[in-house]
């Protein structure tokens, strides 16, 4: 199985950044609840625009990432998080092209 990397970037209002980060951690935990599917995760804030947060996730495989993200609406913290998102700026899965 090839490990898969996900980047997702969201814009949230300045007053909601802390809560959006808290909910991000909750969602990532919910995704890993049944079986550990995310091996590593970071929630990042853009250096020149703190209203943009980024999820950098390492999944066990591309197949697992696809299956888990299809369940996105069912995770308990998703609705509250999406309610804070002004705009979904970017979302994508990547697999390693070369190993350095």
N, C-alpha and C. Protein backbone atom coordinates (compact mmCIF):
# COMPACT_ATOMS: atom_id res chain seq x y z
N UNK A 1 0.84 -1.19 0.00
CA UNK A 1 0.00 0.00 0.00
C UNK A 1 0.88 1.25 0.00
N UNK A 2 0.60 2.19 -0.89
CA UNK A 2 1.33 3.44 -0.93
C UNK A 2 0.71 4.44 0.02
N UNK A 3 1.57 5.02 0.85
CA UNK A 3 1.10 6.06 1.75
C UNK A 3 0.61 7.24 0.91
N UNK A 4 -0.33 7.97 1.44
CA UNK A 4 -0.97 9.08 0.73
C UNK A 4 -0.92 10.32 1.60
N UNK A 5 -0.61 11.45 0.99
CA UNK A 5 -0.55 12.73 1.70
C UNK A 5 -1.73 13.59 1.25
N UNK A 6 -2.37 14.22 2.20
CA UNK A 6 -3.49 15.12 1.91
C UNK A 6 -3.15 16.53 2.36
N UNK A 7 -3.52 17.49 1.52
CA UNK A 7 -3.49 18.89 1.90
C UNK A 7 -4.90 19.44 1.71
N UNK A 8 -5.40 20.10 2.72
CA UNK A 8 -6.71 20.75 2.64
C UNK A 8 -6.57 22.12 3.28
N UNK A 9 -6.99 23.16 2.56
CA UNK A 9 -6.85 24.53 3.04
C UNK A 9 -8.22 25.16 3.11
N UNK A 10 -8.49 25.77 4.27
CA UNK A 10 -9.79 26.37 4.55
C UNK A 10 -9.61 27.82 4.98
N UNK A 11 -10.54 28.66 4.61
CA UNK A 11 -10.57 30.03 5.11
C UNK A 11 -11.66 30.11 6.17
N UNK A 12 -11.30 30.65 7.33
CA UNK A 12 -12.26 30.85 8.42
C UNK A 12 -12.13 32.29 8.91
N UNK A 13 -13.15 32.79 9.56
CA UNK A 13 -13.09 34.14 10.11
C UNK A 13 -12.08 34.19 11.24
N UNK A 14 -11.42 35.34 11.37
CA UNK A 14 -10.37 35.52 12.37
C UNK A 14 -10.82 35.09 13.76
N UNK A 15 -12.05 35.42 14.12
CA UNK A 15 -12.55 35.08 15.46
C UNK A 15 -12.83 33.59 15.64
N UNK A 16 -12.83 32.83 14.54
CA UNK A 16 -13.12 31.38 14.62
C UNK A 16 -11.89 30.49 14.45
N UNK A 17 -10.71 31.08 14.27
CA UNK A 17 -9.51 30.29 14.00
C UNK A 17 -9.25 29.28 15.11
N UNK A 18 -9.25 29.72 16.36
CA UNK A 18 -8.95 28.81 17.49
C UNK A 18 -9.96 27.67 17.57
N UNK A 19 -11.22 27.97 17.41
CA UNK A 19 -12.27 26.94 17.47
C UNK A 19 -12.15 26.00 16.26
N UNK A 20 -11.83 26.54 15.08
CA UNK A 20 -11.67 25.70 13.90
C UNK A 20 -10.49 24.74 14.08
N UNK A 21 -9.42 25.18 14.71
CA UNK A 21 -8.28 24.31 14.98
C UNK A 21 -8.68 23.23 15.97
N UNK A 22 -9.40 23.61 17.00
CA UNK A 22 -9.89 22.63 17.99
C UNK A 22 -10.79 21.58 17.32
N UNK A 23 -11.70 22.02 16.47
CA UNK A 23 -12.58 21.09 15.76
C UNK A 23 -11.81 20.23 14.76
N UNK A 24 -10.77 20.79 14.16
CA UNK A 24 -9.93 20.01 13.25
C UNK A 24 -9.32 18.83 13.99
N UNK A 25 -8.76 19.09 15.17
CA UNK A 25 -8.17 18.02 15.97
C UNK A 25 -9.22 16.96 16.31
N UNK A 26 -10.44 17.41 16.62
CA UNK A 26 -11.52 16.47 16.95
C UNK A 26 -11.88 15.61 15.74
N UNK A 27 -11.99 16.22 14.56
CA UNK A 27 -12.33 15.48 13.35
C UNK A 27 -11.26 14.44 13.02
N UNK A 28 -10.00 14.82 13.13
CA UNK A 28 -8.91 13.88 12.85
C UNK A 28 -8.96 12.71 13.81
N UNK A 29 -9.28 12.99 15.05
CA UNK A 29 -9.43 11.92 16.05
C UNK A 29 -10.62 11.02 15.71
N UNK A 30 -11.72 11.62 15.26
CA UNK A 30 -12.91 10.86 14.88
C UNK A 30 -12.62 9.96 13.67
N UNK A 31 -11.81 10.45 12.74
CA UNK A 31 -11.46 9.64 11.57
C UNK A 31 -10.64 8.41 11.98
N UNK A 32 -9.85 8.56 13.02
CA UNK A 32 -8.98 7.47 13.50
C UNK A 32 -9.64 6.61 14.57
N UNK A 33 -10.88 6.89 14.91
CA UNK A 33 -11.52 6.23 16.04
C UNK A 33 -11.63 4.71 15.89
N UNK A 34 -12.14 4.23 14.79
CA UNK A 34 -12.33 2.79 14.60
C UNK A 34 -11.01 2.08 14.33
N UNK A 35 -10.26 2.60 13.38
CA UNK A 35 -8.97 2.05 12.97
C UNK A 35 -8.07 3.24 12.66
N UNK A 36 -6.79 3.13 13.01
CA UNK A 36 -5.87 4.23 12.72
C UNK A 36 -5.62 4.29 11.21
N UNK A 37 -6.19 5.32 10.58
CA UNK A 37 -6.06 5.49 9.14
C UNK A 37 -5.14 6.67 8.80
N UNK A 38 -4.99 7.59 9.74
CA UNK A 38 -4.09 8.74 9.58
C UNK A 38 -2.89 8.48 10.48
N UNK A 39 -1.72 8.37 9.87
CA UNK A 39 -0.52 8.04 10.64
C UNK A 39 0.16 9.28 11.20
N UNK A 40 -0.09 10.43 10.61
CA UNK A 40 0.53 11.68 11.05
C UNK A 40 -0.36 12.83 10.60
N UNK A 41 -0.44 13.87 11.42
CA UNK A 41 -1.26 15.02 11.03
C UNK A 41 -0.69 16.31 11.61
N UNK A 42 -0.90 17.37 10.86
CA UNK A 42 -0.56 18.72 11.30
C UNK A 42 -1.70 19.63 10.90
N UNK A 43 -2.05 20.54 11.78
CA UNK A 43 -2.97 21.62 11.45
C UNK A 43 -2.12 22.88 11.47
N UNK A 44 -2.05 23.55 10.33
CA UNK A 44 -1.15 24.68 10.15
C UNK A 44 -1.94 25.97 9.93
N UNK A 45 -1.31 27.09 10.25
CA UNK A 45 -1.89 28.41 10.01
C UNK A 45 -0.95 29.14 9.06
N UNK A 46 -1.49 29.75 8.04
CA UNK A 46 -0.68 30.45 7.04
C UNK A 46 0.03 31.63 7.69
N UNK A 47 1.31 31.78 7.39
CA UNK A 47 2.13 32.80 8.05
C UNK A 47 1.68 34.22 7.75
N UNK A 48 1.22 34.49 6.54
CA UNK A 48 0.82 35.85 6.20
C UNK A 48 -0.69 36.06 6.18
N UNK A 49 -1.45 35.02 6.55
CA UNK A 49 -2.90 35.15 6.62
C UNK A 49 -3.43 34.11 7.60
N UNK A 50 -3.48 34.44 8.90
CA UNK A 50 -3.89 33.46 9.91
C UNK A 50 -5.34 32.99 9.78
N UNK A 51 -6.09 33.55 8.86
CA UNK A 51 -7.46 33.08 8.63
C UNK A 51 -7.49 31.85 7.72
N UNK A 52 -6.34 31.45 7.21
CA UNK A 52 -6.24 30.25 6.38
C UNK A 52 -5.57 29.16 7.21
N UNK A 53 -6.28 28.03 7.36
CA UNK A 53 -5.70 26.90 8.05
C UNK A 53 -5.55 25.75 7.07
N UNK A 54 -4.56 24.93 7.31
CA UNK A 54 -4.23 23.84 6.40
C UNK A 54 -4.13 22.54 7.18
N UNK A 55 -4.73 21.51 6.65
CA UNK A 55 -4.54 20.17 7.19
C UNK A 55 -3.48 19.49 6.32
N UNK A 56 -2.47 18.94 6.96
CA UNK A 56 -1.46 18.13 6.27
C UNK A 56 -1.54 16.75 6.92
N UNK A 57 -2.09 15.81 6.20
CA UNK A 57 -2.34 14.47 6.75
C UNK A 57 -1.56 13.41 5.98
N UNK A 58 -1.09 12.42 6.71
CA UNK A 58 -0.47 11.24 6.10
C UNK A 58 -1.42 10.07 6.34
N UNK A 59 -1.92 9.51 5.27
CA UNK A 59 -2.85 8.39 5.31
C UNK A 59 -2.09 7.08 5.08
N UNK A 60 -2.63 5.98 5.57
CA UNK A 60 -1.98 4.69 5.34
C UNK A 60 -1.98 4.31 3.86
N UNK A 61 -2.97 4.76 3.10
CA UNK A 61 -3.00 4.50 1.66
C UNK A 61 -4.00 5.44 1.00
N UNK A 62 -3.89 5.55 -0.31
CA UNK A 62 -4.82 6.36 -1.08
C UNK A 62 -6.24 5.80 -1.01
N UNK A 63 -6.35 4.46 -1.02
CA UNK A 63 -7.68 3.83 -0.95
C UNK A 63 -8.37 4.16 0.37
N UNK A 64 -7.61 4.06 1.44
CA UNK A 64 -8.16 4.36 2.77
C UNK A 64 -8.55 5.83 2.87
N UNK A 65 -7.73 6.71 2.32
CA UNK A 65 -8.04 8.14 2.33
C UNK A 65 -9.36 8.40 1.62
N UNK A 66 -9.53 7.79 0.45
CA UNK A 66 -10.76 7.99 -0.33
C UNK A 66 -11.98 7.47 0.44
N UNK A 67 -11.88 6.27 0.98
CA UNK A 67 -13.01 5.68 1.72
C UNK A 67 -13.36 6.50 2.95
N UNK A 68 -12.35 6.96 3.67
CA UNK A 68 -12.60 7.71 4.90
C UNK A 68 -13.17 9.08 4.59
N UNK A 69 -12.64 9.78 3.59
CA UNK A 69 -13.14 11.11 3.29
C UNK A 69 -14.56 11.07 2.70
N UNK A 70 -14.95 9.95 2.12
CA UNK A 70 -16.34 9.80 1.67
C UNK A 70 -17.31 9.81 2.85
N UNK A 71 -16.81 9.48 4.04
CA UNK A 71 -17.63 9.48 5.25
C UNK A 71 -17.64 10.85 5.94
N UNK A 72 -16.98 11.84 5.33
CA UNK A 72 -16.83 13.18 5.93
C UNK A 72 -18.11 13.72 6.57
N UNK A 73 -19.26 13.68 5.92
CA UNK A 73 -20.48 14.24 6.54
C UNK A 73 -20.92 13.53 7.82
N UNK A 74 -20.48 12.30 8.03
CA UNK A 74 -20.94 11.51 9.18
C UNK A 74 -20.13 11.75 10.45
N UNK A 75 -18.98 12.40 10.36
CA UNK A 75 -18.19 12.61 11.57
C UNK A 75 -18.86 13.67 12.44
N UNK A 76 -18.92 13.44 13.76
CA UNK A 76 -19.67 14.31 14.66
C UNK A 76 -19.30 15.80 14.62
N UNK A 77 -18.03 16.12 14.41
CA UNK A 77 -17.60 17.53 14.46
C UNK A 77 -17.63 18.23 13.11
N UNK A 78 -17.96 17.50 12.05
CA UNK A 78 -17.91 18.07 10.70
C UNK A 78 -18.86 19.24 10.51
N UNK A 79 -20.11 19.10 10.92
CA UNK A 79 -21.09 20.18 10.68
C UNK A 79 -20.68 21.49 11.32
N UNK A 80 -20.23 21.42 12.57
CA UNK A 80 -19.81 22.65 13.26
C UNK A 80 -18.59 23.26 12.57
N UNK A 81 -17.64 22.40 12.19
CA UNK A 81 -16.45 22.89 11.49
C UNK A 81 -16.84 23.54 10.16
N UNK A 82 -17.62 22.85 9.34
CA UNK A 82 -18.02 23.39 8.04
C UNK A 82 -18.82 24.69 8.19
N UNK A 83 -19.53 24.83 9.30
CA UNK A 83 -20.26 26.07 9.55
C UNK A 83 -19.34 27.26 9.75
N UNK A 84 -18.10 27.01 10.13
CA UNK A 84 -17.12 28.09 10.33
C UNK A 84 -16.31 28.38 9.07
N UNK A 85 -16.32 27.46 8.13
CA UNK A 85 -15.52 27.62 6.92
C UNK A 85 -16.19 28.62 5.99
N UNK A 86 -15.48 29.68 5.68
CA UNK A 86 -15.96 30.68 4.73
C UNK A 86 -15.80 30.15 3.31
N UNK A 87 -14.65 29.48 3.09
CA UNK A 87 -14.37 28.97 1.75
C UNK A 87 -13.41 27.79 1.85
N UNK A 88 -13.69 26.73 1.09
CA UNK A 88 -12.75 25.62 0.91
C UNK A 88 -11.79 26.08 -0.18
N UNK A 89 -10.54 26.35 0.19
CA UNK A 89 -9.59 26.91 -0.77
C UNK A 89 -8.88 25.85 -1.60
N UNK A 90 -8.58 24.71 -1.00
CA UNK A 90 -7.85 23.67 -1.72
C UNK A 90 -8.04 22.34 -1.02
N UNK A 91 -8.08 21.27 -1.82
CA UNK A 91 -8.18 19.91 -1.28
C UNK A 91 -7.56 18.96 -2.28
N UNK A 92 -6.64 18.11 -1.82
CA UNK A 92 -6.06 17.14 -2.74
C UNK A 92 -5.27 16.06 -2.03
N UNK A 93 -5.21 14.89 -2.68
CA UNK A 93 -4.41 13.76 -2.20
C UNK A 93 -3.23 13.56 -3.15
N UNK A 94 -2.09 13.21 -2.57
CA UNK A 94 -0.87 13.02 -3.34
C UNK A 94 -0.18 11.73 -2.91
N UNK A 95 0.48 11.08 -3.85
CA UNK A 95 1.33 9.93 -3.55
C UNK A 95 2.74 10.29 -4.01
N UNK A 96 3.72 9.64 -3.40
CA UNK A 96 5.11 9.94 -3.68
C UNK A 96 5.47 9.60 -5.12
N UNK A 97 6.08 10.57 -5.79
CA UNK A 97 6.54 10.36 -7.16
C UNK A 97 7.99 9.86 -7.17
N UNK A 98 8.80 10.40 -6.27
CA UNK A 98 10.18 9.94 -6.11
C UNK A 98 10.51 9.95 -4.63
N UNK A 99 11.48 9.18 -4.25
CA UNK A 99 11.91 9.17 -2.85
C UNK A 99 13.28 9.82 -2.78
N UNK A 100 13.40 10.87 -1.99
CA UNK A 100 14.67 11.59 -1.85
C UNK A 100 15.53 10.98 -0.77
